[in-house]
C-alpha atoms as a PDB file:
ATOM      1  CA  MET A   1     -56.866 -56.852 116.381  1.00  0.00           C
ATOM      2  CA  MET A   2     -58.102 -60.443 116.408  1.00  0.00           C
ATOM      3  CA  VAL A   3     -61.332 -59.396 114.292  1.00  0.00           C
ATOM      4  CA  LEU A   4     -59.118 -57.563 111.839  1.00  0.00           C
ATOM      5  CA  LEU A   5     -57.043 -60.788 111.461  1.00  0.00           C
ATOM      6  CA  ILE A   6     -60.077 -62.926 111.077  1.00  0.00           C
ATOM      7  CA  ILE A   7     -61.475 -60.413 108.353  1.00  0.00           C
ATOM      8  CA  LEU A   8     -58.136 -60.518 106.571  1.00  0.00           C
ATOM      9  CA  VAL A   9     -58.000 -64.336 106.436  1.00  0.00           C
ATOM     10  CA  LEU A  10     -61.791 -64.476 105.214  1.00  0.00           C
ATOM     11  CA  ILE A  11     -60.890 -62.002 102.504  1.00  0.00           C
ATOM     12  CA  VAL A  12     -57.688 -64.097 101.519  1.00  0.00           C
ATOM     13  CA  ILE A  13     -59.881 -67.267 101.338  1.00  0.00           C
ATOM     14  CA  VAL A  14     -62.451 -65.531  99.260  1.00  0.00           C
ATOM     15  CA  VAL A  15     -60.039 -63.955  96.797  1.00  0.00           C
ATOM     16  CA  GLY A  16     -58.229 -67.299  96.570  1.00  0.00           C
ATOM     17  CA  TRP A  17     -61.566 -69.061  95.874  1.00  0.00           C
ATOM     18  CA  LEU A  18     -62.311 -66.557  93.194  1.00  0.00           C
ATOM     19  CA  ILE A  19     -58.977 -67.003  91.563  1.00  0.00           C
ATOM     20  CA  VAL A  20     -59.361 -70.869  91.548  1.00  0.00           C
ATOM     21  CA  LEU A  21     -62.855 -70.647  90.204  1.00  0.00           C
ATOM     22  CA  TYR A  22     -61.955 -68.079  87.480  1.00  0.00           C
ATOM     23  CA  ASN A  23     -58.786 -70.282  86.408  1.00  0.00           C
ATOM     24  CA  GLY A  24     -61.115 -73.342  86.210  1.00  0.00           C
ATOM     25  CA  LEU A  25     -63.440 -71.471  83.869  1.00  0.00           C
ATOM     26  CA  VAL A  26     -60.492 -70.357  81.644  1.00  0.00           C
ATOM     27  CA  ARG A  27     -59.150 -73.852  81.712  1.00  0.00           C
ATOM     28  CA  LEU A  28     -62.488 -75.204  80.416  1.00  0.00           C
ATOM     29  CA  ARG A  29     -62.889 -72.444  77.755  1.00  0.00           C
ATOM     30  CA  ASN A  30     -59.283 -73.269  76.468  1.00  0.00           C
ATOM     31  CA  ARG A  31     -60.129 -76.897  76.416  1.00  0.00           C
ATOM     32  CA  ILE A  32     -63.125 -76.077  74.036  1.00  0.00           C
ATOM     33  CA  GLU A  33     -60.745 -74.010  71.812  1.00  0.00           C
ATOM     34  CA  ASN A  34     -58.326 -76.884  71.739  1.00  0.00           C
ATOM     35  CA  ALA A  35     -61.014 -79.329  70.813  1.00  0.00           C
ATOM     36  CA  TRP A  36     -62.301 -77.113  68.053  1.00  0.00           C
ATOM     37  CA  ALA A  37     -58.762 -76.764  66.681  1.00  0.00           C
ATOM     38  CA  GLN A  38     -58.473 -80.613  66.608  1.00  0.00           C
ATOM     39  CA  ILE A  39     -61.745 -80.761  64.618  1.00  0.00           C
ATOM     40  CA  ASP A  40     -60.325 -78.166  62.350  1.00  0.00           C
ATOM     41  CA  VAL A  41     -57.266 -80.186  61.691  1.00  0.00           C
ATOM     42  CA  GLN A  42     -59.205 -83.357  60.744  1.00  0.00           C
ATOM     43  CA  LEU A  43     -61.611 -81.320  58.514  1.00  0.00           C
ATOM     44  CA  LYS A  44     -58.758 -79.761  56.640  1.00  0.00           C
ATOM     45  CA  ARG A  45     -57.225 -83.193  56.136  1.00  0.00           C
ATOM     46  CA  ARG A  46     -60.727 -84.255  54.673  1.00  0.00           C
ATOM     47  CA  TYR A  47     -60.860 -81.227  52.543  1.00  0.00           C
ATOM     48  CA  ASP A  48     -57.343 -81.977  51.251  1.00  0.00           C
ATOM     49  CA  LEU A  49     -58.384 -85.552  50.135  1.00  0.00           C
ATOM     50  CA  ILE A  50     -61.647 -84.559  48.512  1.00  0.00           C
ATOM     51  CA  PRO A  51     -60.118 -83.152  45.344  1.00  0.00           C
ATOM     52  CA  ASN A  52     -57.924 -86.243  44.735  1.00  0.00           C
ATOM     53  CA  LEU A  53     -60.844 -88.418  45.265  1.00  0.00           C
ATOM     54  CA  VAL A  54     -62.978 -86.396  42.684  1.00  0.00           C
ATOM     55  CA  GLU A  55     -60.136 -86.413  40.173  1.00  0.00           C
ATOM     56  CA  THR A  56     -59.790 -90.282  40.564  1.00  0.00           C
ATOM     57  CA  VAL A  57     -63.617 -90.643  40.086  1.00  0.00           C
ATOM     58  CA  LYS A  58     -63.679 -88.352  37.133  1.00  0.00           C
ATOM     59  CA  GLY A  59     -61.421 -90.684  35.162  1.00  0.00           C
ATOM     60  CA  TYR A  60     -63.959 -93.748  35.610  1.00  0.00           C
ATOM     61  CA  ALA A  61     -67.281 -91.775  35.737  1.00  0.00           C
ATOM     62  CA  SER A  62     -66.812 -88.549  34.043  1.00  0.00           C
ATOM     63  CA  HIS A  63     -70.581 -88.295  33.138  1.00  0.00           C
ATOM     64  CA  GLU A  64     -71.481 -88.371  36.829  1.00  0.00           C
ATOM     65  CA  LYS A  65     -70.670 -84.594  36.902  1.00  0.00           C
ATOM     66  CA  GLU A  66     -73.719 -83.796  39.084  1.00  0.00           C
ATOM     67  CA  THR A  67     -72.443 -86.002  41.945  1.00  0.00           C
ATOM     68  CA  LEU A  68     -68.989 -84.736  41.645  1.00  0.00           C
ATOM     69  CA  ASP A  69     -70.098 -81.037  41.655  1.00  0.00           C
ATOM     70  CA  ALA A  70     -72.123 -81.755  44.824  1.00  0.00           C
ATOM     71  CA  VAL A  71     -68.990 -82.982  46.447  1.00  0.00           C
ATOM     72  CA  ILE A  72     -66.989 -79.850  45.525  1.00  0.00           C
ATOM     73  CA  THR A  73     -69.904 -77.545  46.403  1.00  0.00           C
ATOM     74  CA  ALA A  74     -70.130 -79.283  49.854  1.00  0.00           C
ATOM     75  CA  ARG A  75     -66.390 -79.019  50.408  1.00  0.00           C
ATOM     76  CA  THR A  76     -66.506 -75.297  49.607  1.00  0.00           C
ATOM     77  CA  ALA A  77     -69.408 -74.757  51.983  1.00  0.00           C
ATOM     78  CA  GLY A  78     -67.374 -76.630  54.659  1.00  0.00           C
ATOM     79  CA  MET A  79     -64.297 -74.574  54.188  1.00  0.00           C
ATOM     80  CA  SER A  80     -66.097 -71.276  54.541  1.00  0.00           C
ATOM     81  CA  ALA A  81     -68.466 -72.268  57.535  1.00  0.00           C
ATOM     82  CA  GLU A  82     -67.976 -70.496  60.831  1.00  0.00           C
ATOM     83  CA  GLY A  83     -69.145 -71.634  64.225  1.00  0.00           C
ATOM     84  CA  ALA A  84     -70.163 -75.013  65.441  1.00  0.00           C
ATOM     85  CA  HIS A  85     -73.815 -74.965  63.944  1.00  0.00           C
ATOM     86  CA  ASP A  86     -72.928 -73.896  60.441  1.00  0.00           C
ATOM     87  CA  GLN A  87     -69.692 -76.162  60.434  1.00  0.00           C
ATOM     88  CA  ALA A  88     -71.927 -79.100  61.452  1.00  0.00           C
ATOM     89  CA  GLN A  89     -74.453 -78.519  58.616  1.00  0.00           C
ATOM     90  CA  ALA A  90     -71.658 -78.164  56.105  1.00  0.00           C
ATOM     91  CA  GLU A  91     -70.102 -81.395  57.306  1.00  0.00           C
ATOM     92  CA  ASN A  92     -73.374 -83.263  57.029  1.00  0.00           C
ATOM     93  CA  MET A  93     -73.442 -82.036  53.436  1.00  0.00           C
ATOM     94  CA  ILE A  94     -70.034 -83.215  52.736  1.00  0.00           C
ATOM     95  CA  THR A  95     -70.793 -86.667  54.368  1.00  0.00           C
ATOM     96  CA  GLY A  96     -73.880 -86.999  52.181  1.00  0.00           C
ATOM     97  CA  ALA A  97     -71.966 -86.104  49.121  1.00  0.00           C
ATOM     98  CA  LEU A  98     -69.094 -88.440  49.785  1.00  0.00           C
ATOM     99  CA  LYS A  99     -71.699 -91.228  50.231  1.00  0.00           C
ATOM    100  CA  SER A 100     -72.887 -90.596  46.808  1.00  0.00           C
ATOM    101  CA  VAL A 101     -69.365 -90.833  45.426  1.00  0.00           C
ATOM    102  CA  PHE A 102     -68.709 -93.994  47.208  1.00  0.00           C
ATOM    103  CA  ALA A 103     -72.082 -95.497  45.854  1.00  0.00           C
ATOM    104  CA  LEU A 104     -70.741 -94.776  42.397  1.00  0.00           C
ATOM    105  CA  SER A 105     -68.000 -97.297  42.894  1.00  0.00           C
ATOM    106  CA  GLU A 106     -70.681-100.006  42.900  1.00  0.00           C
ATOM    107  CA  ALA A 107     -71.805 -98.908  39.471  1.00  0.00           C
ATOM    108  CA  TYR A 108     -68.311 -98.766  38.129  1.00  0.00           C
ATOM    109  CA  PRO A 109     -66.273-102.069  38.821  1.00  0.00           C
ATOM    110  CA  ASP A 110     -63.002-100.512  37.363  1.00  0.00           C
ATOM    111  CA  LEU A 111     -63.368 -97.717  39.824  1.00  0.00           C
ATOM    112  CA  LYS A 112     -64.008 -99.950  42.572  1.00  0.00           C
ATOM    113  CA  ALA A 113     -60.743-101.997  41.885  1.00  0.00           C
ATOM    114  CA  ASN A 114     -58.689 -98.814  41.295  1.00  0.00           C
ATOM    115  CA  GLN A 115     -55.897 -98.735  44.058  1.00  0.00           C
ATOM    116  CA  SER A 116     -55.889 -94.932  44.154  1.00  0.00           C
ATOM    117  CA  PHE A 117     -59.632 -94.929  44.713  1.00  0.00           C
ATOM    118  CA  LEU A 118     -59.323 -97.533  47.410  1.00  0.00           C
ATOM    119  CA  ALA A 119     -56.539 -95.817  49.130  1.00  0.00           C
ATOM    120  CA  LEU A 120     -58.331 -92.497  49.182  1.00  0.00           C
ATOM    121  CA  GLN A 121     -61.548 -94.253  50.338  1.00  0.00           C
ATOM    122  CA  GLU A 122     -59.583 -95.847  53.310  1.00  0.00           C
ATOM    123  CA  GLU A 123     -57.910 -92.435  54.140  1.00  0.00           C
ATOM    124  CA  LEU A 124     -61.203 -90.774  54.134  1.00  0.00           C
ATOM    125  CA  THR A 125     -62.816 -93.560  56.237  1.00  0.00           C
ATOM    126  CA  GLY A 126     -59.917 -93.230  58.733  1.00  0.00           C
ATOM    127  CA  THR A 127     -60.254 -89.286  58.815  1.00  0.00           C
ATOM    128  CA  GLU A 128     -64.044 -89.755  59.273  1.00  0.00           C
ATOM    129  CA  GLY A 129     -63.219 -91.773  62.469  1.00  0.00           C
ATOM    130  CA  ARG A 130     -60.854 -89.093  63.778  1.00  0.00           C
ATOM    131  CA  ILE A 131     -63.488 -86.412  63.094  1.00  0.00           C
ATOM    132  CA  ALA A 132     -66.062 -88.367  64.979  1.00  0.00           C
ATOM    133  CA  TYR A 133     -63.723 -88.614  67.987  1.00  0.00           C
ATOM    134  CA  ALA A 134     -62.761 -84.941  67.754  1.00  0.00           C
ATOM    135  CA  ARG A 135     -66.495 -84.038  67.691  1.00  0.00           C
ATOM    136  CA  GLN A 136     -67.179 -86.210  70.736  1.00  0.00           C
ATOM    137  CA  TYR A 137     -64.272 -84.647  72.588  1.00  0.00           C
ATOM    138  CA  TYR A 138     -65.444 -81.154  71.655  1.00  0.00           C
ATOM    139  CA  ASN A 139     -68.922 -81.837  72.729  1.00  0.00           C
ATOM    140  CA  ASP A 140     -67.816 -83.274  76.117  1.00  0.00           C
ATOM    141  CA  SER A 141     -65.656 -80.075  76.648  1.00  0.00           C
ATOM    142  CA  VAL A 142     -68.680 -77.771  75.815  1.00  0.00           C
ATOM    143  CA  PHE A 143     -70.766 -80.009  78.227  1.00  0.00           C
ATOM    144  CA  SER A 144     -68.388 -79.440  81.154  1.00  0.00           C
ATOM    145  CA  TYR A 145     -68.015 -75.804  80.282  1.00  0.00           C
ATOM    146  CA  ASN A 146     -71.662 -75.014  79.876  1.00  0.00           C
ATOM    147  CA  THR A 147     -72.520 -76.990  83.123  1.00  0.00           C
ATOM    148  CA  LYS A 148     -69.854 -75.159  84.944  1.00  0.00           C
ATOM    149  CA  ILE A 149     -70.950 -71.612  84.099  1.00  0.00           C
ATOM    150  CA  GLN A 150     -74.575 -72.524  84.900  1.00  0.00           C
ATOM    151  CA  GLN A 151     -73.757 -73.860  88.359  1.00  0.00           C
ATOM    152  CA  PHE A 152     -73.869 -71.729  91.538  1.00  0.00           C
ATOM    153  CA  PRO A 153     -71.606 -69.972  92.538  1.00  0.00           C
ATOM    154  CA  ALA A 154     -69.578 -70.268  89.322  1.00  0.00           C
ATOM    155  CA  VAL A 155     -72.538 -68.588  87.435  1.00  0.00           C
ATOM    156  CA  LEU A 156     -71.739 -65.301  89.431  1.00  0.00           C
ATOM    157  CA  ILE A 157     -68.242 -65.212  88.184  1.00  0.00           C
ATOM    158  CA  ALA A 158     -68.961 -66.546  84.707  1.00  0.00           C
ATOM    159  CA  SER A 159     -71.702 -63.780  84.036  1.00  0.00           C
ATOM    160  CA  ALA A 160     -69.489 -61.079  85.404  1.00  0.00           C
ATOM    161  CA  MET A 161     -66.590 -62.091  83.365  1.00  0.00           C
ATOM    162  CA  ARG A 162     -68.670 -62.689  80.250  1.00  0.00           C
ATOM    163  CA  PHE A 163     -68.213 -66.414  79.922  1.00  0.00           C
ATOM    164  CA  THR A 164     -71.055 -67.476  77.629  1.00  0.00           C
ATOM    165  CA  GLU A 165     -72.457 -70.852  76.427  1.00  0.00           C
ATOM    166  CA  ARG A 166     -70.994 -72.527  73.670  1.00  0.00           C
ATOM    167  CA  GLU A 167     -72.680 -74.503  70.952  1.00  0.00           C
ATOM    168  CA  TYR A 168     -72.501 -78.212  70.484  1.00  0.00           C
ATOM    169  CA  PHE A 169     -71.430 -79.800  67.255  1.00  0.00           C
ATOM    170  CA  GLU A 170     -74.662 -81.586  66.455  1.00  0.00           C
ATOM    171  CA  ALA A 171     -75.933 -83.533  63.539  1.00  0.00           C
ATOM    172  CA  ASP A 172     -78.747 -82.181  61.440  1.00  0.00           C
ATOM    173  CA  ASP A 173     -82.288 -83.791  61.702  1.00  0.00           C
ATOM    174  CA  ASP A 174     -81.656 -85.812  58.427  1.00  0.00           C
ATOM    175  CA  SER A 175     -78.617 -87.471  59.907  1.00  0.00           C
ATOM    176  CA  ARG A 176     -80.507 -88.510  62.967  1.00  0.00           C
ATOM    177  CA  GLY A 177     -83.153 -90.529  61.228  1.00  0.00           C
ATOM    178  CA  PRO A 178     -82.948 -94.177  60.269  1.00  0.00           C
ATOM    179  CA  VAL A 179     -80.713 -95.164  57.268  1.00  0.00           C
ATOM    180  CA  GLN A 180     -82.631 -96.079  54.234  1.00  0.00           C
ATOM    181  CA  VAL A 181     -81.355 -99.353  52.725  1.00  0.00           C
ATOM    182  CA  GLU A 182     -82.521-100.099  49.203  1.00  0.00           C
ATOM    183  CA  PHE A 183     -81.914-103.344  47.249  1.00  0.00           C
END
C-alpha cells in the first residue's frame, strides 16, 4: 500500500512537472507571436506613411522617378513578405530606399523646408525607432524560446510536441557593414 502511494505521488509530480514545462513552452511561443504582431503593426504604420512621403517628394523632385519607384517597389515587397527572413530582407530594401529619398532633400532646399515632408520624415524616424525596439523584443523572445526547446529535459517535450526553432529577424550583410560617408 505504501509503495503504491509513493508511485502515485511520483506520477503526480512527473505529470505536474510535464504540465508546467509544456505551459512554459506555450508561453514562450505565444510571446514570439505577440512580438511578431508588434513588428507587423509598426511595419504597417511605415507602409501607410510611405505613399504620403512619395507624393510629397514628387511635387518637388518629379524627375527623380527612379528613386521614388524604388521606394514603392520596396514597400510592395515588404507588404508581401512572409516569415522573418523574407521580411527582414524586404525591410532592409525599404530602409535603403528611404535613405535615398531623404538624401534627395539635400538636393532640393524647397523640399527640405516643406512642413509636410518634415512631418513625414519625423513620423518615419519615430516609426523606425519603434520597429527597431519591436525587432529587439522579437529576437529576445526567439532567443528565450530557442534556448528553452534545446535544453534538457525540455528538448524531450519540445520535440514530441513539435515545438520548432524560430528564425531571428536579422539584418542582411550589406546592413552590417560600415556606413559609407561621402563628401
